[in-house]
Amino acid sequence: MHRRQFLAASAAASVASVSTPPAVSLAAPSANDRLTVCVMGVRGRGGNLLSTFAALPDVEVKYVCDIDENVLQARIENVHAITGRRPLAISDYRRALDDPSVDAIINGGPDHWHALPAIHACQAGKDVYTEKPDAHNILEGRTMAAAAKKHKRIIQLGTQGRSGIFQHSAIKYIATGALGKVRFAKAWESSRQGLVKKVPDSAPPKGVDYDTWLGPAPKRPFNRYRFHTHWRWFFDYGTGDLGNDGVHRLDIARWALETALAASGEKTLGPPTSVSAQGGKYYFDDAQEWPDTLIVSYDYAGRCVMTYEMRLWTAYHMHGVPEGAAVYGDEGSVVIGNRGWRAFDRKGKQISVEDGADNTIGHARNFLDCIRSREKPNADLETVGQPSSLLCHLGNAAWRTGRTLHFDAKNFQFKNDPAANALLTRPAYRRPWLLPKLADV
């Protein structure tokens, strides 16, 4: 059954504050209206971002930056095929920061390379679109947000669901108060992933600047299963699948939960007060360090609970979707996946459904529009991206310490837990890639 026309008069007043993403304009701009960007870290998701931004008529991709020459040259040709222009190939993003014509940095690099380019870009007067999660650890994310605030820059996190048309529709439905009193939400990943093979260390491939790829991380021998694609499964570089895919689901779950509370006239949540995690490497006997099976519980001062479930070894789905978020009230529930959402009444009967698709291009458009308007983007780092990424970092800290952690949101510290507080940042940053210290962090 298709979505009921609930957005009529009964919903109009209650959803007025929930924005709808604008349609993407493909009208040809004048040359003077173009925004000039550098796209860095362009192998995987970054390659998709490069194609997305290059296809927008009001963007000039002036620089493409990567430490792998083989990837870099291929991406230069991709941009040429899309735009008819060849951008400049660089291996050091700081070259683009020195160019006054560059308006923004688009960063698709690994988690351990999110913070420094964003901070340096803010200091250079550039805006930033960076992939999720916010950073490798909590202190980096906070420093990024502080740099954006200090230098009055725009930072959009790549949680594109915040610009999704069907996601906004689901939030509008939740904002009507149709779910009643809400006290629980959950997010999950139940897609099967492959092994991270145990292979010997080796020399880096020809054309790869491996030392720069390591950046602030400790010096280690090259291993092809700690490099392209697989870096996210290792403590030095990634945040596990909780930070990889989980941040998308947790962001939607948090958004839905806070919308439901607001619909009942309740205060917003803020960060959780306690976090616990159980799980481990229960299925794959491989090289990855992060868990393949995980449950995280977030308690919000006794007001409500949110959970995250991860099973990287199942081929079947939860609630009919491989990865998603759900929010539950005493009058009904809503399930939001990657391709739409469904609403259920208090008896579990489906009463509404809407299909949709990824809106990365709309998320990119929102970022460009906010560069011009100086308004906060849909996934503004300080107010949206960093709070949702924080959930991933908190869950990982709880899992690594093996105990319930009590979080002091005012001071961004774990209460009476030095071992957990040691996970707020790296033990050390490798020179010259030191994390800047800002006064208000």
Protein backbone atom coordinates (compact mmCIF):
# COMPACT_ATOMS: atom_id res chain seq x y z
CA MET A 1 0.00 0.00 0.00
CA HIS A 2 1.37 3.40 -0.93
CA ARG A 3 1.94 6.25 1.48
CA ARG A 4 -1.24 7.79 2.82
CA GLN A 5 -1.83 11.46 2.34
CA PHE A 6 -1.03 12.23 5.96
CA LEU A 7 0.83 15.42 5.08
CA ALA A 8 -2.39 17.33 4.67
CA ALA A 9 -3.92 19.67 7.23
CA SER A 10 -3.32 17.42 10.26
CA ALA A 11 0.45 17.50 9.72
CA ALA A 12 0.99 21.00 8.38
CA ALA A 13 1.53 22.80 11.67
CA SER A 14 3.63 20.15 13.38
CA VAL A 15 6.11 19.68 10.54
CA ALA A 16 6.66 23.30 9.60
CA SER A 17 10.16 23.26 11.09
CA VAL A 18 11.26 20.14 9.20
CA SER A 19 12.97 21.19 5.97
CA THR A 20 12.62 19.49 2.61
CA PRO A 21 15.72 19.14 0.44
CA PRO A 22 15.49 21.32 -2.64
CA ALA A 23 15.47 19.88 -6.13
CA VAL A 24 18.91 19.72 -7.74
CA SER A 25 19.32 22.37 -10.41
CA LEU A 26 21.30 21.39 -13.50
CA ALA A 27 20.93 24.71 -15.25
CA ALA A 28 24.17 25.91 -16.75
CA PRO A 29 25.75 28.67 -14.59
CA SER A 30 27.97 31.42 -15.83
CA ALA A 31 31.72 30.96 -15.46
CA ASN A 32 31.76 33.58 -12.71
CA ASP A 33 29.27 31.55 -10.66
CA ARG A 34 31.44 28.45 -10.50
CA LEU A 35 32.91 27.26 -7.23
CA THR A 36 36.44 25.89 -7.42
CA VAL A 37 37.28 22.75 -5.47
CA CYS A 38 40.01 20.24 -4.74
CA VAL A 39 38.90 16.63 -4.30
CA MET A 40 41.27 14.43 -2.29
CA GLY A 41 41.38 10.74 -1.43
CA VAL A 42 39.71 9.61 -4.64
CA ARG A 43 40.00 5.84 -4.86
CA GLY A 44 36.76 4.47 -3.34
CA ARG A 45 34.00 6.67 -1.97
CA GLY A 46 36.17 9.65 -2.85
CA GLY A 47 36.05 8.61 -6.50
CA ASN A 48 32.26 8.70 -6.33
CA LEU A 49 32.37 12.15 -4.77
CA LEU A 50 34.73 13.33 -7.48
CA SER A 51 32.29 12.23 -10.20
CA THR A 52 29.36 13.77 -8.32
CA PHE A 53 30.93 17.20 -7.90
CA ALA A 54 32.47 17.18 -11.38
CA ALA A 55 29.01 16.60 -12.88
CA LEU A 56 27.56 19.71 -11.22
CA PRO A 57 27.65 22.63 -13.67
CA ASP A 58 28.62 25.25 -11.11
CA VAL A 59 31.74 23.39 -9.97
CA GLU A 60 35.25 23.51 -11.36
CA VAL A 61 37.41 20.64 -10.11
CA LYS A 62 40.77 22.39 -10.28
CA TYR A 63 42.78 19.83 -8.29
CA VAL A 64 42.57 16.10 -7.74
CA CYS A 65 44.75 14.88 -4.88
CA ASP A 66 45.85 11.34 -4.01
CA ILE A 67 48.99 9.57 -2.78
CA ASP A 68 48.56 6.75 -5.32
CA GLU A 69 49.70 7.88 -8.78
CA ASN A 70 47.84 5.04 -10.48
CA VAL A 71 44.53 6.08 -8.94
CA LEU A 72 45.28 9.76 -9.48
CA GLN A 73 45.82 9.54 -13.21
CA ALA A 74 42.72 7.43 -13.72
CA ARG A 75 40.59 9.97 -11.85
CA ILE A 76 42.03 12.86 -13.87
CA GLU A 77 40.77 11.11 -17.00
CA ASN A 78 37.38 10.56 -15.36
CA VAL A 79 36.99 14.28 -14.75
CA HIS A 80 38.10 15.06 -18.29
CA ALA A 81 35.47 12.69 -19.64
CA ILE A 82 32.77 14.41 -17.57
CA THR A 83 33.76 18.05 -17.97
CA GLY A 84 36.08 18.24 -20.95
CA ARG A 85 38.72 19.76 -18.65
CA ARG A 86 41.73 18.11 -17.01
CA PRO A 87 42.29 19.14 -13.39
CA LEU A 88 45.75 19.39 -11.90
CA ALA A 89 47.08 16.21 -10.28
CA ILE A 90 48.65 16.77 -6.85
CA SER A 91 49.76 14.49 -4.00
CA ASP A 92 49.73 17.12 -1.22
CA TYR A 93 46.40 18.83 -0.47
CA ARG A 94 48.22 21.79 1.05
CA ARG A 95 49.11 22.94 -2.44
CA ALA A 96 45.40 23.54 -3.08
CA LEU A 97 45.06 25.36 0.24
CA ASP A 98 47.69 27.83 -0.93
CA ASP A 99 45.62 28.63 -4.02
CA PRO A 100 43.31 31.63 -3.34
CA SER A 101 40.99 30.54 -6.16
CA VAL A 102 40.02 27.33 -4.32
CA ASP A 103 36.75 27.62 -2.41
CA ALA A 104 36.49 24.17 -0.85
CA ILE A 105 38.16 20.83 -0.14
CA ILE A 106 36.19 17.63 -0.80
CA ASN A 107 37.71 14.80 1.24
CA GLY A 108 37.02 11.13 0.54
CA GLY A 109 40.12 9.82 2.29
CA PRO A 110 40.40 7.32 5.17
CA ASP A 111 39.18 8.17 8.67
CA HIS A 112 42.68 8.99 9.92
CA TRP A 113 42.95 11.63 7.18
CA HIS A 114 39.68 13.46 7.92
CA ALA A 115 40.75 15.84 10.67
CA LEU A 116 43.96 17.50 9.50
CA PRO A 117 42.81 18.52 5.99
CA ALA A 118 39.56 19.90 7.43
CA ILE A 119 41.32 21.90 10.12
CA HIS A 120 43.99 23.17 7.73
CA ALA A 121 41.31 24.09 5.19
CA CYS A 122 39.41 26.12 7.78
CA GLN A 123 42.61 27.91 8.73
CA ALA A 124 43.19 28.68 5.04
CA GLY A 125 39.67 30.11 4.62
CA LYS A 126 38.27 27.12 2.69
CA ASP A 127 35.01 25.24 3.25
CA VAL A 128 34.97 21.46 3.60
CA TYR A 129 32.93 18.43 2.57
CA THR A 130 34.36 15.40 4.37
CA GLU A 131 33.34 11.77 4.43
CA LYS A 132 32.02 10.14 7.55
CA PRO A 133 32.65 9.64 10.40
CA ASP A 134 33.89 13.05 11.48
CA ALA A 135 37.37 11.78 12.33
CA HIS A 136 39.49 8.99 13.74
CA ASN A 137 38.70 9.89 17.37
CA ILE A 138 36.69 12.22 19.59
CA LEU A 139 39.33 14.92 20.07
CA GLU A 140 39.90 15.19 16.32
CA GLY A 141 36.18 15.65 15.68
CA ARG A 142 35.90 18.32 18.36
CA THR A 143 38.95 20.13 16.97
CA MET A 144 37.45 20.11 13.47
CA ALA A 145 34.21 21.63 14.77
CA ALA A 146 36.13 24.23 16.77
CA ALA A 147 38.20 25.19 13.72
CA ALA A 148 35.06 25.64 11.63
CA LYS A 149 33.51 27.83 14.31
CA LYS A 150 36.65 29.91 14.86
CA HIS A 151 37.23 30.57 11.17
CA LYS A 152 33.52 30.77 10.24
CA ARG A 153 33.73 27.94 7.72
CA ILE A 154 31.17 25.46 6.40
CA ILE A 155 31.84 21.74 7.04
CA GLN A 156 29.38 19.22 5.65
CA LEU A 157 29.69 15.58 6.78
CA GLY A 158 29.06 12.93 4.13
CA THR A 159 26.02 11.44 5.85
CA GLN A 160 23.92 12.00 2.73
CA GLY A 161 20.72 10.73 4.35
CA ARG A 162 20.38 14.19 5.87
CA SER A 163 19.65 15.47 2.37
CA GLY A 164 17.59 12.47 1.34
CA ILE A 165 14.09 13.16 0.06
CA PHE A 166 12.47 10.04 1.53
CA GLN A 167 14.37 10.47 4.82
CA HIS A 168 12.92 13.96 5.18
CA SER A 169 9.50 12.54 4.39
CA ALA A 170 9.88 9.97 7.18
CA ILE A 171 10.96 12.67 9.62
CA LYS A 172 7.92 14.73 8.67
CA TYR A 173 5.69 11.78 9.46
CA ILE A 174 7.38 11.26 12.84
CA ALA A 175 7.04 14.98 13.58
CA THR A 176 3.23 14.67 13.43
CA GLY A 177 3.35 12.75 16.71
CA ALA A 178 1.80 9.67 15.10
CA LEU A 179 4.09 7.33 17.07
CA GLY A 180 2.85 8.54 20.45
CA LYS A 181 5.22 8.34 23.41
CA VAL A 182 8.63 7.21 22.12
CA ARG A 183 11.31 5.71 24.33
CA PHE A 184 13.37 3.44 22.09
CA ALA A 185 15.25 3.53 18.78
CA LYS A 186 17.74 1.25 17.14
CA ALA A 187 20.14 1.10 14.22
CA TRP A 188 21.65 -1.96 12.58
CA GLU A 189 23.94 -3.51 10.01
CA SER A 190 23.23 -7.04 8.85
CA SER A 191 25.05 -7.27 5.52
CA ARG A 192 27.61 -9.97 4.92
CA GLN A 193 31.16 -8.76 4.38
CA GLY A 194 34.32 -10.58 3.36
CA LEU A 195 37.52 -11.66 5.02
CA VAL A 196 40.41 -9.31 5.70
CA LYS A 197 43.13 -11.75 4.74
CA LYS A 198 46.27 -12.38 6.74
CA VAL A 199 49.12 -11.77 4.30
CA PRO A 200 52.82 -10.96 4.81
CA ASP A 201 54.05 -7.38 4.84
CA SER A 202 55.62 -6.20 1.61
CA ALA A 203 57.01 -3.18 -0.19
CA PRO A 204 54.48 -0.48 -1.15
CA PRO A 205 53.32 -0.59 -4.78
CA LYS A 206 55.16 1.61 -7.25
CA GLY A 207 53.69 5.11 -7.33
CA VAL A 208 52.34 5.02 -3.76
CA ASP A 209 53.57 7.55 -1.18
CA TYR A 210 53.01 5.23 1.75
CA ASP A 211 54.63 7.47 4.36
CA THR A 212 52.20 10.28 3.59
CA TRP A 213 49.31 7.78 3.57
CA LEU A 214 50.24 6.81 7.13
CA GLY A 215 50.22 10.49 8.09
CA PRO A 216 49.67 10.90 11.84
CA ALA A 217 49.39 7.13 12.39
CA PRO A 218 52.32 5.08 13.73
CA LYS A 219 55.03 3.97 11.35
CA ARG A 220 54.37 0.37 10.28
CA PRO A 221 55.47 -1.85 7.40
CA PHE A 222 53.22 -1.79 4.34
CA ASN A 223 50.58 -4.50 4.10
CA ARG A 224 48.10 -4.59 1.25
CA TYR A 225 45.32 -5.67 3.63
CA ARG A 226 45.89 -2.64 5.85
CA PHE A 227 45.81 -0.30 2.85
CA HIS A 228 43.19 0.38 0.13
CA THR A 229 39.66 -0.62 1.18
CA HIS A 230 40.72 -2.61 4.26
CA TRP A 231 42.22 0.20 6.34
CA ARG A 232 38.88 0.74 8.12
CA TRP A 233 39.21 -2.54 10.03
CA PHE A 234 42.38 -1.47 11.90
CA PHE A 235 42.66 0.68 15.00
CA ASP A 236 45.37 2.98 13.60
CA TYR A 237 43.34 4.16 10.61
CA GLY A 238 39.62 3.33 10.89
CA THR A 239 36.71 3.12 13.28
CA GLY A 240 35.37 -0.31 12.32
CA ASP A 241 31.99 -0.81 10.74
CA LEU A 242 30.44 1.18 13.58
CA GLY A 243 32.11 4.27 12.11
CA ASN A 244 31.96 3.09 8.51
CA ASP A 245 28.29 2.25 7.91
CA GLY A 246 26.96 2.48 11.44
CA VAL A 247 27.28 6.27 11.54
CA HIS A 248 24.66 6.53 8.78
CA ARG A 249 22.16 4.37 10.69
CA LEU A 250 22.84 5.97 14.05
CA ASP A 251 22.48 9.43 12.53
CA ILE A 252 19.03 8.57 11.18
CA ALA A 253 18.01 6.83 14.42
CA ARG A 254 19.10 9.82 16.50
CA TRP A 255 17.33 12.23 14.13
CA ALA A 256 14.12 10.19 14.28
CA LEU A 257 14.25 9.79 18.05
CA GLU A 258 14.81 13.48 18.72
CA THR A 259 12.07 14.39 16.25
CA ALA A 260 9.64 12.09 18.04
CA LEU A 261 10.52 13.61 21.41
CA ALA A 262 10.06 17.13 20.03
CA ALA A 263 6.66 16.11 18.65
CA SER A 264 5.64 15.31 22.24
CA GLY A 265 6.99 18.62 23.53
CA GLU A 266 10.02 16.99 25.19
CA LYS A 267 13.56 18.31 25.37
CA THR A 268 16.23 17.08 22.97
CA LEU A 269 18.61 14.41 24.17
CA GLY A 270 22.18 15.61 23.86
CA PRO A 271 24.90 12.95 24.14
CA PRO A 272 24.19 9.69 25.98
CA THR A 273 25.12 9.53 29.65
CA SER A 274 26.23 5.89 29.61
CA VAL A 275 27.33 3.48 26.90
CA SER A 276 27.93 -0.26 26.98
CA ALA A 277 29.03 -2.66 24.26
CA GLN A 278 29.29 -6.40 23.88
CA GLY A 279 30.75 -8.33 20.98
CA GLY A 280 33.95 -9.35 19.30
CA LYS A 281 35.46 -11.29 16.44
CA TYR A 282 33.08 -14.20 16.72
CA TYR A 283 32.81 -15.23 13.08
CA PHE A 284 35.78 -14.27 10.91
CA ASP A 285 39.24 -15.64 11.67
CA ASP A 286 41.11 -12.92 9.84
CA ALA A 287 43.34 -9.87 10.24
CA GLN A 288 40.76 -7.26 11.21
CA GLU A 289 40.99 -5.75 14.70
CA TRP A 290 37.47 -4.35 15.07
CA PRO A 291 34.56 -6.70 15.91
CA ASP A 292 32.40 -8.51 13.36
CA THR A 293 29.57 -8.94 15.90
CA LEU A 294 28.51 -6.08 18.17
CA ILE A 295 25.68 -4.67 20.25
CA VAL A 296 25.95 -1.14 21.68
CA SER A 297 23.45 0.39 24.11
CA TYR A 298 23.17 4.14 24.62
CA ASP A 299 21.28 5.34 27.69
CA TYR A 300 20.07 8.92 27.87
CA ALA A 301 19.87 9.75 31.57
CA GLY A 302 17.03 7.30 32.10
CA ARG A 303 14.83 9.02 29.50
CA CYS A 304 15.21 6.60 26.60
CA VAL A 305 17.53 4.05 25.03
CA MET A 306 19.07 3.62 21.59
CA THR A 307 20.85 0.48 20.42
CA TYR A 308 23.12 -0.46 17.54
CA GLU A 309 23.41 -4.02 16.25
CA MET A 310 26.08 -5.24 13.86
CA ARG A 311 26.46 -8.64 12.23
CA LEU A 312 28.93 -8.63 9.36
CA TRP A 313 28.31 -12.29 8.53
CA THR A 314 24.56 -12.55 7.81
CA ALA A 315 23.05 -12.54 4.34
CA TYR A 316 19.50 -12.00 5.58
CA HIS A 317 17.93 -8.78 6.80
CA MET A 318 16.30 -7.20 9.82
CA HIS A 319 12.91 -5.54 9.32
CA GLY A 320 13.31 -6.34 5.63
CA VAL A 321 16.39 -4.14 5.09
CA PRO A 322 20.09 -5.01 5.39
CA GLU A 323 20.91 -1.80 7.23
CA GLY A 324 18.60 0.75 8.73
CA ALA A 325 17.10 2.55 11.69
CA ALA A 326 13.81 2.27 13.55
CA VAL A 327 12.01 4.30 16.18
CA TYR A 328 9.26 2.89 18.41
CA GLY A 329 6.38 4.55 20.24
CA ASP A 330 3.31 3.30 22.08
CA GLU A 331 1.15 4.19 19.05
CA GLY A 332 3.36 2.89 16.27
CA SER A 333 6.81 2.60 14.74
CA VAL A 334 8.78 3.67 11.68
CA VAL A 335 11.53 1.71 9.88
CA ILE A 336 13.90 3.70 7.65
CA GLY A 337 16.21 1.85 5.26
CA ASN A 338 18.43 2.84 2.37
CA ARG A 339 15.62 2.71 -0.17
CA GLY A 340 12.58 4.01 1.65
CA TRP A 341 10.57 3.88 4.86
CA ARG A 342 7.54 2.15 6.35
CA ALA A 343 5.20 3.09 9.17
CA PHE A 344 3.26 0.66 11.37
CA ASP A 345 0.37 1.19 13.79
CA ARG A 346 0.24 -0.05 17.37
CA LYS A 347 -0.89 -3.50 16.20
CA GLY A 348 2.00 -3.88 13.77
CA LYS A 349 -0.08 -3.25 10.65
CA GLN A 350 1.76 -1.39 7.90
CA ILE A 351 -0.08 1.85 7.28
CA SER A 352 2.34 3.80 5.12
CA VAL A 353 5.26 3.16 2.78
CA GLU A 354 7.46 5.27 0.56
CA ASP A 355 10.32 4.21 -1.69
CA GLY A 356 13.36 6.34 -2.44
CA ALA A 357 16.99 6.39 -3.48
CA ASP A 358 20.39 7.74 -2.50
CA ASN A 359 20.70 11.52 -2.75
CA THR A 360 24.45 12.09 -2.72
CA ILE A 361 24.03 14.65 -5.49
CA GLY A 362 21.49 16.56 -3.41
CA HIS A 363 23.87 16.49 -0.45
CA ALA A 364 26.61 17.93 -2.64
CA ARG A 365 24.20 20.59 -3.92
CA ASN A 366 23.23 21.51 -0.36
CA PHE A 367 26.93 22.01 0.48
CA LEU A 368 27.48 24.26 -2.53
CA ASP A 369 24.37 26.30 -1.76
CA CYS A 370 25.57 26.82 1.82
CA ILE A 371 28.99 27.97 0.63
CA ARG A 372 27.13 30.80 -1.06
CA SER A 373 24.51 31.50 1.61
CA ARG A 374 26.75 30.82 4.66
CA GLU A 375 23.85 28.94 6.26
CA LYS A 376 24.42 25.67 8.10
CA PRO A 377 24.32 22.66 5.76
CA ASN A 378 22.06 19.66 6.31
CA ALA A 379 24.86 17.64 7.93
CA ASP A 380 26.62 20.55 9.62
CA LEU A 381 29.59 19.12 11.46
CA GLU A 382 29.06 20.87 14.79
CA THR A 383 25.32 20.30 15.18
CA VAL A 384 24.72 17.08 13.21
CA GLY A 385 27.86 15.30 12.05
CA GLN A 386 29.94 15.46 15.21
CA PRO A 387 27.10 14.41 17.59
CA SER A 388 26.28 11.37 15.44
CA SER A 389 29.95 10.46 14.94
CA LEU A 390 30.40 10.74 18.70
CA LEU A 391 28.04 7.78 19.12
CA CYS A 392 30.41 5.65 17.05
CA HIS A 393 33.48 6.72 19.02
CA LEU A 394 31.69 6.15 22.35
CA GLY A 395 30.55 2.69 21.29
CA ASN A 396 34.04 1.74 20.16
CA ALA A 397 35.52 2.97 23.44
CA ALA A 398 33.00 0.93 25.44
CA TRP A 399 33.83 -2.17 23.40
CA ARG A 400 37.60 -1.71 23.70
CA THR A 401 37.47 -1.21 27.47
CA GLY A 402 34.91 -3.98 27.98
CA ARG A 403 32.75 -2.07 30.45
CA THR A 404 29.95 0.45 30.74
CA LEU A 405 31.29 3.97 30.31
CA HIS A 406 29.73 7.05 31.89
CA PHE A 407 30.14 10.12 29.73
CA ASP A 408 30.40 13.69 30.98
CA ALA A 409 29.14 15.69 27.99
CA LYS A 410 30.06 19.02 29.56
CA ASN A 411 33.76 18.19 29.74
CA PHE A 412 33.87 15.52 27.00
CA GLN A 413 35.44 13.03 29.39
CA PHE A 414 34.57 9.61 30.73
CA LYS A 415 33.92 9.76 34.45
CA ASN A 416 36.62 8.23 36.65
CA ASP A 417 38.04 6.11 33.84
CA PRO A 418 41.63 6.95 32.74
CA ALA A 419 41.81 3.96 30.39
CA ALA A 420 38.69 5.08 28.53
CA ASN A 421 39.88 8.69 28.44
CA ALA A 422 43.08 7.51 26.78
CA LEU A 423 40.89 6.54 23.81
CA LEU A 424 39.68 10.12 23.31
CA THR A 425 42.67 10.67 21.03
CA ARG A 426 45.80 8.95 19.73
CA PRO A 427 48.62 8.06 22.13
CA ALA A 428 50.84 10.19 19.86
CA TYR A 429 50.76 11.94 16.48
CA ARG A 430 53.62 11.24 14.10
CA ARG A 431 55.50 14.33 13.01
CA PRO A 432 54.93 16.50 11.08
CA TRP A 433 51.22 15.57 11.17
CA LEU A 434 50.42 16.97 14.60
CA LEU A 435 46.86 17.78 15.65
CA PRO A 436 46.53 21.56 16.19
CA LYS A 437 45.51 22.68 19.67
CA LEU A 438 42.60 25.10 19.81
CA ALA A 439 41.82 27.07 22.95
CA ASP A 440 38.21 25.94 23.33
CA VAL A 441 38.85 22.20 22.96
